Amino acid sequence: MALTGELLNAKGVGFLISKCSPLKDFGFRVYCMSYDVTKGILYASTSNGLFYIHPNGEGKPITRRNQNFFPNTLCYYKGKIYSADKTGGILVIKNEEIATTIWPKINGHTEQISKLIVYKNTLVSQSSKGLFQFDQNGKLLNALNSSLGLSTNRIIDFTIHDDKLWVSHINGVQQIDLSSLHQSITTPLIKISSILVNDKVVEGRTDLTD
């Protein structure tokens, strides 16, 4: 649990909290968090940088080129944490270390991501230009805009549940079926039985000039 200037460890059953205690050494502002359910590790982007925090409350910073960095979004997916900051790159963190960087690009320019959710190994991402879907190499797969029924690119927030993308924007809330974007279209087989040139059947010829 994050409050202004403090991280709290809350314990309870369901929605009932029975005990709440502050985490030692984390009395500063928290911007976003994500939880690794396999290892029980909490990742927190704070005013002092990015930290991973073990269940016992002990934490260590994660640095980039020996410098603190400050992600504005964090997302857990299959043992990895995806983080994005103002540089535009998406850092993939595995085993408490930066494993690789993804550079999401639109028209050859790296896009600055404000929020992302990993959906079926793709990155559904929000930027100042709207919502986009990238692959794991940063290649643009889909622009989730008016062509899919979205009435505006001024996005407030979004979430994904059961293949449905729910988007909150200045005009209200809309839903997009993401599963329909991945349906493959089978190319029909075309069989040519004969070719007519000047009303004459052409068979076994490549030169059709006469």
N, C-alpha and C. Protein backbone atom coordinates (compact mmCIF):
# COMPACT_ATOMS: atom_id res chain seq x y z
N MET A 1 0.84 -1.18 0.00
CA MET A 1 0.00 0.00 0.00
C MET A 1 0.88 1.23 0.00
N ALA A 2 0.55 2.22 -0.84
CA ALA A 2 1.33 3.45 -0.92
C ALA A 2 0.49 4.64 -0.51
N LEU A 3 1.02 5.43 0.39
CA LEU A 3 0.43 6.70 0.75
C LEU A 3 1.42 7.80 0.40
N THR A 4 1.00 9.06 0.52
CA THR A 4 1.90 10.16 0.23
C THR A 4 3.11 10.13 1.15
N GLY A 5 4.27 9.86 0.58
CA GLY A 5 5.50 9.87 1.36
C GLY A 5 5.73 8.63 2.19
N GLU A 6 5.02 7.50 1.89
CA GLU A 6 5.21 6.33 2.74
C GLU A 6 4.72 5.06 2.05
N LEU A 7 5.43 3.96 2.29
CA LEU A 7 5.01 2.64 1.85
C LEU A 7 4.57 1.85 3.07
N LEU A 8 3.39 1.20 2.97
CA LEU A 8 2.86 0.45 4.10
C LEU A 8 2.70 -1.01 3.72
N ASN A 9 2.93 -1.88 4.69
CA ASN A 9 2.70 -3.31 4.54
C ASN A 9 1.37 -3.63 5.20
N ALA A 10 0.35 -3.95 4.38
CA ALA A 10 -0.98 -4.22 4.90
C ALA A 10 -1.26 -5.71 4.88
N LYS A 11 -1.79 -6.24 5.98
CA LYS A 11 -2.14 -7.65 6.09
C LYS A 11 -3.60 -7.79 6.45
N GLY A 12 -4.23 -8.85 5.91
CA GLY A 12 -5.64 -9.07 6.21
C GLY A 12 -6.18 -10.20 5.38
N VAL A 13 -7.51 -10.31 5.36
CA VAL A 13 -8.22 -11.34 4.60
C VAL A 13 -9.20 -10.65 3.67
N GLY A 14 -9.07 -10.97 2.36
CA GLY A 14 -9.97 -10.33 1.40
C GLY A 14 -9.77 -8.82 1.40
N PHE A 15 -10.87 -8.09 1.55
CA PHE A 15 -10.79 -6.64 1.57
C PHE A 15 -10.67 -6.08 2.99
N LEU A 16 -10.58 -6.97 4.00
CA LEU A 16 -10.50 -6.54 5.39
C LEU A 16 -9.05 -6.48 5.83
N ILE A 17 -8.54 -5.30 6.14
CA ILE A 17 -7.16 -5.10 6.58
C ILE A 17 -7.12 -5.14 8.09
N SER A 18 -6.32 -6.08 8.63
CA SER A 18 -6.24 -6.23 10.08
C SER A 18 -5.01 -5.56 10.67
N LYS A 19 -3.95 -5.40 9.85
CA LYS A 19 -2.72 -4.81 10.36
C LYS A 19 -2.04 -4.02 9.26
N CYS A 20 -1.54 -2.86 9.61
CA CYS A 20 -0.88 -2.00 8.62
C CYS A 20 0.33 -1.35 9.27
N SER A 21 1.51 -1.58 8.69
CA SER A 21 2.73 -1.03 9.29
C SER A 21 3.63 -0.46 8.20
N PRO A 22 4.32 0.65 8.48
CA PRO A 22 5.19 1.26 7.46
C PRO A 22 6.43 0.42 7.21
N LEU A 23 6.89 0.41 5.97
CA LEU A 23 8.12 -0.28 5.62
C LEU A 23 9.31 0.60 5.99
N LYS A 24 10.27 -0.01 6.66
CA LYS A 24 11.45 0.71 7.09
C LYS A 24 12.25 1.21 5.89
N ASP A 25 12.75 2.43 5.98
CA ASP A 25 13.64 3.03 4.98
C ASP A 25 12.91 3.40 3.68
N PHE A 26 11.58 3.42 3.69
CA PHE A 26 10.85 3.81 2.48
C PHE A 26 9.84 4.92 2.78
N GLY A 27 10.32 5.91 3.49
CA GLY A 27 9.47 7.05 3.83
C GLY A 27 9.57 8.17 2.81
N PHE A 28 9.31 7.85 1.53
CA PHE A 28 9.33 8.89 0.50
C PHE A 28 8.24 8.61 -0.53
N ARG A 29 8.05 9.56 -1.40
CA ARG A 29 6.93 9.52 -2.34
C ARG A 29 7.05 8.33 -3.30
N VAL A 30 5.91 7.68 -3.55
CA VAL A 30 5.85 6.54 -4.46
C VAL A 30 5.01 6.93 -5.67
N TYR A 31 5.55 6.69 -6.88
CA TYR A 31 4.84 7.05 -8.10
C TYR A 31 4.02 5.89 -8.66
N CYS A 32 4.57 4.69 -8.67
CA CYS A 32 3.85 3.52 -9.16
C CYS A 32 4.51 2.27 -8.60
N MET A 33 3.75 1.16 -8.62
CA MET A 33 4.25 -0.11 -8.08
C MET A 33 3.80 -1.27 -8.96
N SER A 34 4.52 -2.38 -8.86
CA SER A 34 4.10 -3.62 -9.50
C SER A 34 4.64 -4.78 -8.66
N TYR A 35 3.89 -5.89 -8.66
CA TYR A 35 4.21 -7.00 -7.76
C TYR A 35 4.52 -8.26 -8.55
N ASP A 36 5.66 -8.86 -8.27
CA ASP A 36 6.06 -10.14 -8.86
C ASP A 36 5.43 -11.25 -8.03
N VAL A 37 4.36 -11.84 -8.56
CA VAL A 37 3.61 -12.83 -7.78
C VAL A 37 4.37 -14.13 -7.59
N THR A 38 5.34 -14.42 -8.45
CA THR A 38 6.08 -15.68 -8.34
C THR A 38 7.13 -15.63 -7.22
N LYS A 39 7.71 -14.46 -7.00
CA LYS A 39 8.76 -14.32 -6.00
C LYS A 39 8.34 -13.51 -4.79
N GLY A 40 7.17 -12.89 -4.87
CA GLY A 40 6.71 -12.07 -3.75
C GLY A 40 7.50 -10.79 -3.59
N ILE A 41 8.04 -10.27 -4.69
CA ILE A 41 8.85 -9.05 -4.65
C ILE A 41 8.03 -7.86 -5.16
N LEU A 42 8.09 -6.78 -4.43
CA LEU A 42 7.42 -5.55 -4.82
C LEU A 42 8.41 -4.62 -5.50
N TYR A 43 8.04 -4.11 -6.67
CA TYR A 43 8.84 -3.09 -7.35
C TYR A 43 8.14 -1.75 -7.18
N ALA A 44 8.89 -0.76 -6.74
CA ALA A 44 8.30 0.55 -6.47
C ALA A 44 9.16 1.66 -7.08
N SER A 45 8.53 2.48 -7.88
CA SER A 45 9.19 3.68 -8.42
C SER A 45 8.91 4.83 -7.47
N THR A 46 9.98 5.40 -6.93
CA THR A 46 9.84 6.42 -5.89
C THR A 46 10.61 7.68 -6.26
N SER A 47 10.49 8.67 -5.41
CA SER A 47 11.23 9.91 -5.62
C SER A 47 12.73 9.71 -5.44
N ASN A 48 13.14 8.57 -4.91
CA ASN A 48 14.55 8.24 -4.75
C ASN A 48 15.02 7.20 -5.77
N GLY A 49 14.17 6.85 -6.73
CA GLY A 49 14.54 5.88 -7.75
C GLY A 49 13.68 4.64 -7.69
N LEU A 50 14.08 3.60 -8.44
CA LEU A 50 13.35 2.34 -8.50
C LEU A 50 13.96 1.35 -7.52
N PHE A 51 13.09 0.68 -6.74
CA PHE A 51 13.54 -0.28 -5.74
C PHE A 51 12.79 -1.60 -5.93
N TYR A 52 13.47 -2.70 -5.59
CA TYR A 52 12.76 -3.96 -5.41
C TYR A 52 12.81 -4.30 -3.93
N ILE A 53 11.65 -4.74 -3.41
CA ILE A 53 11.49 -4.92 -1.96
C ILE A 53 11.05 -6.35 -1.69
N HIS A 54 11.83 -7.05 -0.88
CA HIS A 54 11.53 -8.43 -0.53
C HIS A 54 10.41 -8.49 0.52
N PRO A 55 9.80 -9.67 0.71
CA PRO A 55 8.71 -9.78 1.69
C PRO A 55 9.09 -9.37 3.11
N ASN A 56 10.37 -9.47 3.46
CA ASN A 56 10.79 -9.07 4.80
C ASN A 56 10.97 -7.56 4.94
N GLY A 57 10.70 -6.83 3.85
CA GLY A 57 10.78 -5.37 3.91
C GLY A 57 12.11 -4.79 3.48
N GLU A 58 13.10 -5.67 3.24
CA GLU A 58 14.40 -5.19 2.79
C GLU A 58 14.36 -4.90 1.29
N GLY A 59 14.96 -3.80 0.90
CA GLY A 59 14.94 -3.42 -0.50
C GLY A 59 16.27 -2.89 -0.98
N LYS A 60 16.47 -2.97 -2.29
CA LYS A 60 17.69 -2.44 -2.90
C LYS A 60 17.30 -1.67 -4.17
N PRO A 61 18.09 -0.66 -4.51
CA PRO A 61 17.78 0.10 -5.73
C PRO A 61 18.18 -0.64 -6.99
N ILE A 62 17.47 -0.38 -8.07
CA ILE A 62 17.83 -0.85 -9.40
C ILE A 62 18.27 0.37 -10.18
N THR A 63 19.51 0.34 -10.68
CA THR A 63 20.04 1.51 -11.37
C THR A 63 20.28 1.22 -12.84
N ARG A 64 20.38 2.27 -13.61
CA ARG A 64 20.69 2.17 -15.03
C ARG A 64 21.98 2.94 -15.27
N ARG A 65 23.01 2.20 -15.70
CA ARG A 65 24.35 2.79 -15.87
C ARG A 65 24.79 3.51 -14.60
N ASN A 66 24.55 2.83 -13.46
CA ASN A 66 24.95 3.32 -12.13
C ASN A 66 24.25 4.61 -11.74
N GLN A 67 23.12 4.91 -12.38
CA GLN A 67 22.35 6.10 -12.04
C GLN A 67 20.91 5.70 -11.71
N ASN A 68 20.32 6.40 -10.73
CA ASN A 68 18.92 6.16 -10.41
C ASN A 68 18.05 6.58 -11.59
N PHE A 69 16.97 5.87 -11.80
CA PHE A 69 16.00 6.29 -12.81
C PHE A 69 14.60 6.18 -12.22
N PHE A 70 13.64 6.84 -12.86
CA PHE A 70 12.35 7.07 -12.24
C PHE A 70 11.21 6.69 -13.20
N PRO A 71 10.86 5.41 -13.27
CA PRO A 71 9.79 4.98 -14.17
C PRO A 71 8.46 5.63 -13.83
N ASN A 72 7.68 5.94 -14.86
CA ASN A 72 6.34 6.45 -14.62
C ASN A 72 5.28 5.36 -14.76
N THR A 73 5.71 4.15 -15.14
CA THR A 73 4.80 3.02 -15.18
C THR A 73 5.58 1.72 -15.00
N LEU A 74 4.95 0.75 -14.34
CA LEU A 74 5.53 -0.57 -14.11
C LEU A 74 4.47 -1.62 -14.39
N CYS A 75 4.89 -2.74 -15.00
CA CYS A 75 3.94 -3.80 -15.31
C CYS A 75 4.65 -5.15 -15.17
N TYR A 76 4.02 -6.08 -14.44
CA TYR A 76 4.57 -7.43 -14.28
C TYR A 76 3.97 -8.36 -15.33
N TYR A 77 4.82 -9.21 -15.93
CA TYR A 77 4.33 -10.19 -16.90
C TYR A 77 5.32 -11.34 -16.99
N LYS A 78 4.88 -12.54 -16.59
CA LYS A 78 5.65 -13.77 -16.73
C LYS A 78 7.09 -13.64 -16.23
N GLY A 79 7.22 -13.24 -14.98
CA GLY A 79 8.54 -13.19 -14.36
C GLY A 79 9.38 -11.98 -14.70
N LYS A 80 8.80 -11.03 -15.44
CA LYS A 80 9.55 -9.84 -15.82
C LYS A 80 8.76 -8.58 -15.44
N ILE A 81 9.50 -7.51 -15.16
CA ILE A 81 8.89 -6.21 -14.91
C ILE A 81 9.22 -5.30 -16.09
N TYR A 82 8.20 -4.70 -16.66
CA TYR A 82 8.37 -3.75 -17.75
C TYR A 82 8.20 -2.35 -17.19
N SER A 83 9.19 -1.50 -17.42
CA SER A 83 9.15 -0.14 -16.88
C SER A 83 9.47 0.86 -17.98
N ALA A 84 8.83 2.02 -17.91
CA ALA A 84 9.07 3.07 -18.90
C ALA A 84 9.24 4.40 -18.19
N ASP A 85 10.15 5.22 -18.71
CA ASP A 85 10.35 6.55 -18.15
C ASP A 85 10.41 7.57 -19.27
N LYS A 86 10.87 8.78 -18.97
CA LYS A 86 10.81 9.89 -19.92
C LYS A 86 11.78 9.74 -21.08
N THR A 87 12.71 8.79 -21.01
CA THR A 87 13.63 8.60 -22.13
C THR A 87 12.95 7.96 -23.33
N GLY A 88 11.79 7.34 -23.10
CA GLY A 88 11.06 6.71 -24.19
C GLY A 88 11.30 5.21 -24.28
N GLY A 89 12.35 4.71 -23.70
CA GLY A 89 12.63 3.29 -23.75
C GLY A 89 11.83 2.52 -22.71
N ILE A 90 11.57 1.24 -22.99
CA ILE A 90 10.92 0.34 -22.04
C ILE A 90 11.98 -0.63 -21.53
N LEU A 91 12.29 -0.55 -20.25
CA LEU A 91 13.29 -1.41 -19.64
C LEU A 91 12.63 -2.69 -19.17
N VAL A 92 13.22 -3.83 -19.53
CA VAL A 92 12.72 -5.13 -19.10
C VAL A 92 13.63 -5.62 -17.98
N ILE A 93 13.06 -5.82 -16.79
CA ILE A 93 13.82 -6.19 -15.60
C ILE A 93 13.53 -7.64 -15.25
N LYS A 94 14.61 -8.41 -15.09
CA LYS A 94 14.49 -9.82 -14.72
C LYS A 94 15.54 -10.13 -13.67
N ASN A 95 15.14 -10.84 -12.62
CA ASN A 95 16.05 -11.18 -11.52
C ASN A 95 16.69 -9.92 -10.93
N GLU A 96 15.87 -8.91 -10.75
CA GLU A 96 16.27 -7.64 -10.12
C GLU A 96 17.33 -6.87 -10.91
N GLU A 97 17.50 -7.21 -12.19
CA GLU A 97 18.46 -6.49 -13.03
C GLU A 97 17.83 -6.16 -14.37
N ILE A 98 18.33 -5.10 -15.01
CA ILE A 98 17.84 -4.73 -16.33
C ILE A 98 18.36 -5.74 -17.35
N ALA A 99 17.44 -6.46 -17.99
CA ALA A 99 17.84 -7.49 -18.95
C ALA A 99 17.98 -6.93 -20.36
N THR A 100 17.08 -6.05 -20.75
CA THR A 100 17.12 -5.48 -22.10
C THR A 100 16.28 -4.21 -22.14
N THR A 101 16.39 -3.49 -23.25
CA THR A 101 15.60 -2.28 -23.46
C THR A 101 14.85 -2.38 -24.78
N ILE A 102 13.57 -2.06 -24.75
CA ILE A 102 12.74 -2.03 -25.95
C ILE A 102 12.50 -0.57 -26.33
N TRP A 103 12.68 -0.27 -27.62
CA TRP A 103 12.48 1.10 -28.09
C TRP A 103 11.24 1.14 -28.98
N PRO A 104 10.08 1.48 -28.42
CA PRO A 104 8.84 1.52 -29.22
C PRO A 104 8.88 2.72 -30.17
N LYS A 105 8.71 2.45 -31.46
CA LYS A 105 8.85 3.53 -32.44
C LYS A 105 7.61 3.67 -33.31
N ILE A 106 7.30 4.94 -33.61
CA ILE A 106 6.22 5.30 -34.52
C ILE A 106 6.80 6.23 -35.57
N ASN A 107 6.71 5.82 -36.83
CA ASN A 107 7.29 6.60 -37.93
C ASN A 107 8.77 6.88 -37.72
N GLY A 108 9.47 5.90 -37.16
CA GLY A 108 10.91 6.03 -36.97
C GLY A 108 11.34 6.78 -35.73
N HIS A 109 10.39 7.28 -34.94
CA HIS A 109 10.72 8.06 -33.74
C HIS A 109 10.32 7.28 -32.48
N THR A 110 11.21 7.27 -31.49
CA THR A 110 10.92 6.58 -30.23
C THR A 110 9.81 7.30 -29.49
N GLU A 111 8.82 6.53 -29.06
CA GLU A 111 7.66 7.09 -28.39
C GLU A 111 7.85 7.05 -26.87
N GLN A 112 7.48 8.14 -26.20
CA GLN A 112 7.55 8.17 -24.74
C GLN A 112 6.27 7.58 -24.17
N ILE A 113 6.39 6.53 -23.38
CA ILE A 113 5.25 5.79 -22.86
C ILE A 113 4.91 6.25 -21.45
N SER A 114 3.62 6.53 -21.22
CA SER A 114 3.18 6.93 -19.89
C SER A 114 2.55 5.77 -19.11
N LYS A 115 2.03 4.76 -19.84
CA LYS A 115 1.50 3.56 -19.19
C LYS A 115 1.54 2.42 -20.19
N LEU A 116 1.75 1.21 -19.69
CA LEU A 116 1.72 0.04 -20.56
C LEU A 116 1.18 -1.17 -19.82
N ILE A 117 0.55 -2.06 -20.59
CA ILE A 117 0.09 -3.35 -20.10
C ILE A 117 0.54 -4.40 -21.11
N VAL A 118 1.14 -5.47 -20.63
CA VAL A 118 1.56 -6.54 -21.52
C VAL A 118 0.37 -7.46 -21.77
N TYR A 119 0.00 -7.61 -23.04
CA TYR A 119 -1.14 -8.43 -23.42
C TYR A 119 -0.69 -9.45 -24.45
N LYS A 120 -0.72 -10.73 -24.06
CA LYS A 120 -0.34 -11.82 -24.95
C LYS A 120 0.99 -11.54 -25.65
N ASN A 121 1.96 -11.15 -24.85
CA ASN A 121 3.34 -10.91 -25.30
C ASN A 121 3.48 -9.68 -26.19
N THR A 122 2.46 -8.83 -26.23
CA THR A 122 2.56 -7.53 -26.90
C THR A 122 2.40 -6.42 -25.88
N LEU A 123 2.79 -5.22 -26.25
CA LEU A 123 2.78 -4.09 -25.33
C LEU A 123 1.71 -3.10 -25.74
N VAL A 124 0.60 -3.06 -25.00
CA VAL A 124 -0.43 -2.06 -25.21
C VAL A 124 -0.02 -0.82 -24.41
N SER A 125 0.25 0.26 -25.12
CA SER A 125 0.94 1.41 -24.51
C SER A 125 0.21 2.71 -24.77
N GLN A 126 0.28 3.58 -23.79
CA GLN A 126 -0.31 4.91 -23.89
C GLN A 126 0.78 5.95 -24.02
N SER A 127 0.60 6.87 -24.96
CA SER A 127 1.50 8.02 -25.10
C SER A 127 0.66 9.26 -25.33
N SER A 128 1.33 10.37 -25.54
CA SER A 128 0.59 11.62 -25.78
C SER A 128 -0.17 11.59 -27.09
N LYS A 129 0.18 10.65 -27.97
CA LYS A 129 -0.49 10.54 -29.27
C LYS A 129 -1.67 9.58 -29.25
N GLY A 130 -1.85 8.82 -28.16
CA GLY A 130 -2.96 7.89 -28.07
C GLY A 130 -2.52 6.53 -27.58
N LEU A 131 -3.27 5.49 -28.01
CA LEU A 131 -2.99 4.12 -27.62
C LEU A 131 -2.41 3.34 -28.79
N PHE A 132 -1.38 2.51 -28.49
CA PHE A 132 -0.72 1.75 -29.53
C PHE A 132 -0.38 0.36 -29.01
N GLN A 133 -0.20 -0.55 -29.94
CA GLN A 133 0.21 -1.91 -29.60
C GLN A 133 1.52 -2.22 -30.32
N PHE A 134 2.55 -2.60 -29.54
CA PHE A 134 3.88 -2.89 -30.07
C PHE A 134 4.21 -4.36 -29.81
N ASP A 135 5.15 -4.90 -30.61
CA ASP A 135 5.66 -6.22 -30.27
C ASP A 135 6.85 -6.07 -29.32
N GLN A 136 7.47 -7.19 -28.96
CA GLN A 136 8.55 -7.17 -27.98
C GLN A 136 9.83 -6.55 -28.52
N ASN A 137 9.86 -6.22 -29.80
CA ASN A 137 11.01 -5.52 -30.38
C ASN A 137 10.75 -4.04 -30.58
N GLY A 138 9.57 -3.58 -30.18
CA GLY A 138 9.23 -2.17 -30.33
C GLY A 138 8.57 -1.83 -31.66
N LYS A 139 8.29 -2.83 -32.47
CA LYS A 139 7.64 -2.60 -33.76
C LYS A 139 6.15 -2.33 -33.56
N LEU A 140 5.64 -1.31 -34.24
CA LEU A 140 4.22 -0.96 -34.13
C LEU A 140 3.36 -2.02 -34.81
N LEU A 141 2.41 -2.57 -34.05
CA LEU A 141 1.48 -3.56 -34.58
C LEU A 141 0.13 -2.94 -34.92
N ASN A 142 -0.39 -2.12 -34.02
CA ASN A 142 -1.70 -1.51 -34.22
C ASN A 142 -1.74 -0.13 -33.58
N ALA A 143 -2.39 0.79 -34.27
CA ALA A 143 -2.74 2.08 -33.68
C ALA A 143 -4.19 1.98 -33.24
N LEU A 144 -4.42 1.99 -31.93
CA LEU A 144 -5.76 1.78 -31.39
C LEU A 144 -6.49 3.12 -31.37
N ASN A 145 -6.99 3.52 -32.53
CA ASN A 145 -7.57 4.85 -32.69
C ASN A 145 -8.96 4.78 -33.29
N SER A 146 -9.32 5.83 -34.02
CA SER A 146 -10.68 5.94 -34.55
C SER A 146 -11.04 4.81 -35.51
N SER A 147 -10.04 4.21 -36.16
CA SER A 147 -10.32 3.11 -37.08
C SER A 147 -10.92 1.91 -36.37
N LEU A 148 -10.71 1.82 -35.04
CA LEU A 148 -11.28 0.75 -34.23
C LEU A 148 -12.47 1.23 -33.40
N GLY A 149 -12.94 2.44 -33.70
CA GLY A 149 -14.10 2.97 -33.00
C GLY A 149 -13.79 3.89 -31.84
N LEU A 150 -12.51 4.11 -31.54
CA LEU A 150 -12.14 5.00 -30.44
C LEU A 150 -12.41 6.44 -30.87
N SER A 151 -13.15 7.18 -30.06
CA SER A 151 -13.62 8.50 -30.49
C SER A 151 -12.62 9.62 -30.26
N THR A 152 -11.52 9.35 -29.53
CA THR A 152 -10.52 10.38 -29.27
C THR A 152 -9.18 9.74 -28.93
N ASN A 153 -8.11 10.47 -29.14
CA ASN A 153 -6.77 10.01 -28.74
C ASN A 153 -6.34 10.56 -27.38
N ARG A 154 -7.19 11.38 -26.77
CA ARG A 154 -6.87 11.96 -25.46
C ARG A 154 -7.30 10.98 -24.37
N ILE A 155 -6.38 10.07 -24.05
CA ILE A 155 -6.67 8.96 -23.13
C ILE A 155 -6.40 9.39 -21.69
N ILE A 156 -7.32 9.01 -20.79
CA ILE A 156 -7.11 9.26 -19.36
C ILE A 156 -6.51 8.03 -18.69
N ASP A 157 -7.08 6.86 -18.97
CA ASP A 157 -6.57 5.62 -18.38
C ASP A 157 -7.12 4.45 -19.19
N PHE A 158 -6.54 3.26 -18.98
CA PHE A 158 -7.04 2.07 -19.64
C PHE A 158 -6.66 0.83 -18.85
N THR A 159 -7.40 -0.25 -19.08
CA THR A 159 -7.09 -1.53 -18.47
C THR A 159 -7.55 -2.63 -19.42
N ILE A 160 -7.11 -3.86 -19.18
CA ILE A 160 -7.44 -4.99 -20.03
C ILE A 160 -7.98 -6.12 -19.15
N HIS A 161 -9.12 -6.70 -19.58
CA HIS A 161 -9.70 -7.84 -18.86
C HIS A 161 -10.41 -8.74 -19.87
N ASP A 162 -10.04 -10.03 -19.86
CA ASP A 162 -10.67 -11.02 -20.74
C ASP A 162 -10.67 -10.57 -22.20
N ASP A 163 -9.52 -10.18 -22.70
CA ASP A 163 -9.35 -9.77 -24.10
C ASP A 163 -10.08 -8.47 -24.45
N LYS A 164 -10.62 -7.80 -23.46
CA LYS A 164 -11.32 -6.54 -23.70
C LYS A 164 -10.47 -5.38 -23.18
N LEU A 165 -10.24 -4.41 -24.06
CA LEU A 165 -9.53 -3.19 -23.68
C LEU A 165 -10.56 -2.14 -23.30
N TRP A 166 -10.53 -1.71 -22.04
CA TRP A 166 -11.43 -0.68 -21.55
C TRP A 166 -10.66 0.64 -21.49
N VAL A 167 -11.17 1.64 -22.18
CA VAL A 167 -10.47 2.91 -22.31
C VAL A 167 -11.32 4.05 -21.73
N SER A 168 -10.73 4.78 -20.81
CA SER A 168 -11.37 5.98 -20.26
C SER A 168 -10.74 7.21 -20.93
N HIS A 169 -11.58 8.06 -21.51
CA HIS A 169 -11.07 9.25 -22.20
C HIS A 169 -12.03 10.42 -21.96
N ILE A 170 -11.78 11.53 -22.62
CA ILE A 170 -12.53 12.75 -22.32
C ILE A 170 -14.00 12.64 -22.74
N ASN A 171 -14.33 11.63 -23.56
CA ASN A 171 -15.72 11.46 -24.00
C ASN A 171 -16.46 10.35 -23.27
N GLY A 172 -15.80 9.70 -22.32
CA GLY A 172 -16.44 8.62 -21.59
C GLY A 172 -15.58 7.37 -21.53
N VAL A 173 -16.22 6.21 -21.58
CA VAL A 173 -15.54 4.92 -21.51
C VAL A 173 -15.94 4.08 -22.73
N GLN A 174 -14.95 3.48 -23.39
CA GLN A 174 -15.20 2.63 -24.55
C GLN A 174 -14.49 1.29 -24.39
N GLN A 175 -14.97 0.30 -25.14
CA GLN A 175 -14.42 -1.04 -25.09
C GLN A 175 -13.95 -1.46 -26.48
N ILE A 176 -12.78 -2.09 -26.56
CA ILE A 176 -12.25 -2.64 -27.81
C ILE A 176 -11.94 -4.11 -27.58
N ASP A 177 -12.38 -4.95 -28.50
CA ASP A 177 -12.10 -6.38 -28.42
C ASP A 177 -10.72 -6.65 -29.03
N LEU A 178 -9.74 -6.87 -28.17
CA LEU A 178 -8.38 -7.08 -28.64
C LEU A 178 -8.21 -8.42 -29.35
N SER A 179 -9.03 -9.41 -29.02
CA SER A 179 -8.88 -10.71 -29.65
C SER A 179 -9.14 -10.64 -31.14
N SER A 180 -9.97 -9.71 -31.58
CA SER A 180 -10.27 -9.59 -33.01
C SER A 180 -9.08 -9.05 -33.79
N LEU A 181 -8.14 -8.40 -33.10
CA LEU A 181 -6.97 -7.86 -33.79
C LEU A 181 -5.96 -8.94 -34.13
N HIS A 182 -6.11 -10.12 -33.55
CA HIS A 182 -5.14 -11.20 -33.74
C HIS A 182 -5.70 -12.33 -34.59
N GLN A 183 -6.88 -12.15 -35.11
CA GLN A 183 -7.45 -13.18 -35.96
C GLN A 183 -6.76 -13.17 -37.32
N SER A 184 -6.19 -14.31 -37.67
CA SER A 184 -5.50 -14.41 -38.95
C SER A 184 -6.51 -14.63 -40.07
N ILE A 185 -6.28 -13.99 -41.19
CA ILE A 185 -7.15 -14.11 -42.35
C ILE A 185 -6.49 -15.05 -43.35
N THR A 186 -7.15 -16.13 -43.65
CA THR A 186 -6.60 -17.11 -44.57
C THR A 186 -6.69 -16.60 -46.00
N THR A 187 -5.57 -16.61 -46.70
CA THR A 187 -5.56 -16.16 -48.09
C THR A 187 -6.23 -17.21 -48.97
N PRO A 188 -7.28 -16.83 -49.71
CA PRO A 188 -7.98 -17.83 -50.54
C PRO A 188 -7.08 -18.34 -51.66
N LEU A 189 -7.22 -19.63 -51.98
CA LEU A 189 -6.47 -20.23 -53.07
C LEU A 189 -7.20 -19.96 -54.39
N ILE A 190 -6.46 -19.48 -55.37
CA ILE A 190 -7.03 -19.17 -56.68
C ILE A 190 -6.42 -20.11 -57.71
N LYS A 191 -7.26 -20.85 -58.41
CA LYS A 191 -6.81 -21.78 -59.44
C LYS A 191 -7.21 -21.23 -60.80
N ILE A 192 -6.22 -21.06 -61.67
CA ILE A 192 -6.47 -20.56 -63.03
C ILE A 192 -6.57 -21.74 -63.97
N SER A 193 -7.75 -21.91 -64.55
CA SER A 193 -7.96 -23.06 -65.44
C SER A 193 -7.54 -22.76 -66.87
N SER A 194 -7.62 -21.49 -67.29
CA SER A 194 -7.22 -21.14 -68.65
C SER A 194 -7.03 -19.64 -68.77
N ILE A 195 -6.28 -19.23 -69.81
CA ILE A 195 -6.03 -17.82 -70.08
C ILE A 195 -6.43 -17.53 -71.52
N LEU A 196 -7.18 -16.46 -71.69
CA LEU A 196 -7.60 -16.05 -73.03
C LEU A 196 -6.89 -14.77 -73.42
N VAL A 197 -6.28 -14.75 -74.62
CA VAL A 197 -5.67 -13.55 -75.18
C VAL A 197 -6.27 -13.34 -76.57
N ASN A 198 -6.94 -12.24 -76.75
CA ASN A 198 -7.63 -11.96 -78.01
C ASN A 198 -8.56 -13.11 -78.39
N ASP A 199 -9.29 -13.57 -77.35
CA ASP A 199 -10.28 -14.64 -77.53
C ASP A 199 -9.67 -15.99 -77.91
N LYS A 200 -8.34 -16.15 -77.71
CA LYS A 200 -7.70 -17.41 -78.01
C LYS A 200 -7.10 -17.99 -76.74
N VAL A 201 -7.25 -19.26 -76.54
CA VAL A 201 -6.74 -19.96 -75.35
C VAL A 201 -5.23 -20.05 -75.43
N VAL A 202 -4.54 -19.64 -74.38
CA VAL A 202 -3.08 -19.70 -74.31
C VAL A 202 -2.69 -20.84 -73.40
N GLU A 203 -1.88 -21.78 -73.88
CA GLU A 203 -1.47 -22.92 -73.10
C GLU A 203 0.05 -23.10 -73.21
N GLY A 204 0.71 -23.14 -72.06
CA GLY A 204 2.14 -23.44 -72.03
C GLY A 204 3.00 -22.38 -72.70
N ARG A 205 2.54 -21.14 -72.78
CA ARG A 205 3.33 -20.07 -73.40
C ARG A 205 3.64 -18.97 -72.40
N THR A 206 4.84 -18.44 -72.50
CA THR A 206 5.24 -17.31 -71.66
C THR A 206 5.30 -16.02 -72.44
N ASP A 207 5.44 -16.11 -73.75
CA ASP A 207 5.48 -14.92 -74.61
C ASP A 207 4.08 -14.69 -75.20
N LEU A 208 3.43 -13.64 -74.75
CA LEU A 208 2.05 -13.38 -75.16
C LEU A 208 1.98 -12.15 -76.04
N THR A 209 3.08 -11.82 -76.73
CA THR A 209 3.09 -10.59 -77.52
C THR A 209 2.38 -10.75 -78.85
N ASP A 210 2.18 -11.99 -79.33
CA ASP A 210 1.50 -12.16 -80.61
C ASP A 210 0.24 -13.00 -80.46
